[in-house]
Amino acid sequence: MKMITAIINKKDAGEVCDALAEEKFSFTKMATTGGFLKAGNMTLLIGTEDDKVEQAIEIIRKHCAQRMEPMPSVVNAGVPAFGYYKTEVLVGGATIFVSAIERFEKM
């Protein structure tokens, strides 16, 4: 048995969860916040049999899109509050960890 931990952008969460549920994957979702952009994410915990890991990852891959989004940046030229400008950063996609599970019980 494996545990897939998938961190996805909150904009993709609905589609990913719907697609996983349609294929009968059981999962728990948690609202999380990224450390770099401090943006909203959804972390999914998906327990599945070893032979279904690739299917779950493919569903996540299909429904998570990378996109460029504006992010305010601070320009500090040695002067406090020198100015702000907008830059674009790549967001979305997914970060996935797959872990082996020694024991699983559903009570």
Protein backbone atom coordinates (compact mmCIF):
# COMPACT_ATOMS: atom_id res chain seq x y z
CA MET A 1 0.00 0.00 0.00
CA LYS A 2 1.16 3.55 -0.73
CA MET A 3 0.32 7.03 0.52
CA ILE A 4 0.38 9.75 -2.12
CA THR A 5 0.76 13.25 -0.71
CA ALA A 6 -0.12 15.72 -3.47
CA ILE A 7 0.21 19.47 -3.01
CA ILE A 8 -1.81 21.27 -5.67
CA ASN A 9 -2.88 24.83 -6.40
CA LYS A 10 -6.29 25.65 -4.91
CA LYS A 11 -7.53 26.66 -8.37
CA ASP A 12 -7.01 23.07 -9.56
CA ALA A 13 -8.38 21.36 -6.44
CA GLY A 14 -11.99 20.99 -7.55
CA GLU A 15 -11.18 19.29 -10.84
CA VAL A 16 -8.56 17.01 -9.29
CA CYS A 17 -10.85 15.93 -6.43
CA ASP A 18 -13.78 15.30 -8.79
CA ALA A 19 -11.61 13.20 -11.13
CA LEU A 20 -10.12 11.16 -8.26
CA ALA A 21 -13.56 10.52 -6.76
CA GLU A 22 -14.92 9.47 -10.15
CA GLU A 23 -12.21 6.80 -10.33
CA LYS A 24 -13.06 5.65 -6.77
CA PHE A 25 -9.89 6.91 -5.06
CA SER A 26 -10.34 7.68 -1.36
CA PHE A 27 -8.60 10.81 -0.16
CA THR A 28 -8.48 13.47 2.52
CA LYS A 29 -8.02 17.09 1.53
CA MET A 30 -6.50 19.81 3.67
CA ALA A 31 -6.22 23.52 2.95
CA THR A 32 -2.53 24.47 3.13
CA THR A 33 -0.42 27.54 2.40
CA GLY A 34 2.82 27.54 0.45
CA GLY A 35 5.92 28.90 2.12
CA PHE A 36 7.40 30.77 -0.86
CA LEU A 37 4.42 32.60 -2.36
CA LYS A 38 2.23 32.25 0.73
CA ALA A 39 -0.57 31.27 -1.65
CA GLY A 40 -3.41 28.85 -1.05
CA ASN A 41 -2.88 25.21 -1.86
CA MET A 42 -4.73 21.98 -1.27
CA THR A 43 -2.86 18.98 0.09
CA LEU A 44 -4.39 15.61 -0.72
CA LEU A 45 -3.63 12.41 1.19
CA ILE A 46 -4.46 9.48 -1.07
CA GLY A 47 -4.14 5.94 0.25
CA THR A 48 -4.04 3.38 -2.56
CA GLU A 49 -2.78 0.00 -3.62
CA ASP A 50 0.67 -0.11 -5.23
CA ASP A 51 -0.70 -0.92 -8.69
CA LYS A 52 -2.94 2.19 -8.70
CA VAL A 53 -0.27 4.79 -7.89
CA GLU A 54 0.48 5.65 -11.51
CA GLN A 55 -3.22 6.00 -12.31
CA ALA A 56 -3.69 8.48 -9.44
CA ILE A 57 -0.61 10.48 -10.47
CA GLU A 58 -1.83 10.61 -14.07
CA ILE A 59 -5.21 11.98 -12.93
CA ILE A 60 -3.44 14.68 -10.91
CA ARG A 61 -1.13 15.49 -13.84
CA LYS A 62 -4.08 15.79 -16.23
CA HIS A 63 -6.00 18.22 -14.03
CA CYS A 64 -3.21 20.46 -12.67
CA ALA A 65 -2.15 23.29 -14.93
CA GLN A 66 0.94 25.43 -14.55
CA ARG A 67 0.27 29.11 -15.17
CA MET A 68 1.96 32.47 -14.82
CA GLU A 69 0.43 34.75 -12.18
CA PRO A 70 1.35 38.27 -11.11
CA MET A 71 3.07 38.69 -7.78
CA PRO A 72 3.90 42.05 -6.18
CA SER A 73 7.59 42.45 -5.47
CA VAL A 74 9.44 44.97 -3.36
CA VAL A 75 12.39 46.85 -4.77
CA ASN A 76 14.71 47.86 -1.99
CA ALA A 77 17.52 50.01 -3.29
CA GLY A 78 18.82 50.70 0.19
CA VAL A 79 15.86 52.97 0.81
CA PRO A 80 12.88 51.67 2.79
CA ALA A 81 9.68 51.48 0.73
CA PHE A 82 11.61 52.41 -2.44
CA GLY A 83 8.89 50.93 -4.60
CA TYR A 84 6.81 48.01 -5.74
CA TYR A 85 6.62 46.36 -9.11
CA LYS A 86 4.73 43.37 -10.45
CA THR A 87 6.50 40.31 -11.64
CA GLU A 88 5.10 37.03 -12.89
CA VAL A 89 5.87 33.67 -11.34
CA LEU A 90 5.06 30.14 -12.43
CA VAL A 91 2.41 28.55 -10.18
CA GLY A 92 0.25 25.48 -10.34
CA GLY A 93 1.16 21.97 -11.27
CA ALA A 94 1.64 19.58 -8.39
CA THR A 95 4.26 18.38 -5.95
CA ILE A 96 3.82 14.69 -5.23
CA PHE A 97 5.38 12.39 -2.64
CA VAL A 98 4.76 8.64 -2.62
CA SER A 99 5.42 6.79 0.63
CA ALA A 100 5.23 3.12 1.56
CA ILE A 101 2.64 2.31 4.23
CA GLU A 102 3.40 -0.47 6.71
CA ARG A 103 -0.06 -0.70 8.17
CA PHE A 104 -3.51 0.55 7.24
CA GLU A 105 -6.73 0.22 9.22
CA LYS A 106 -10.10 1.72 8.49
CA MET A 107 -12.29 1.82 11.60
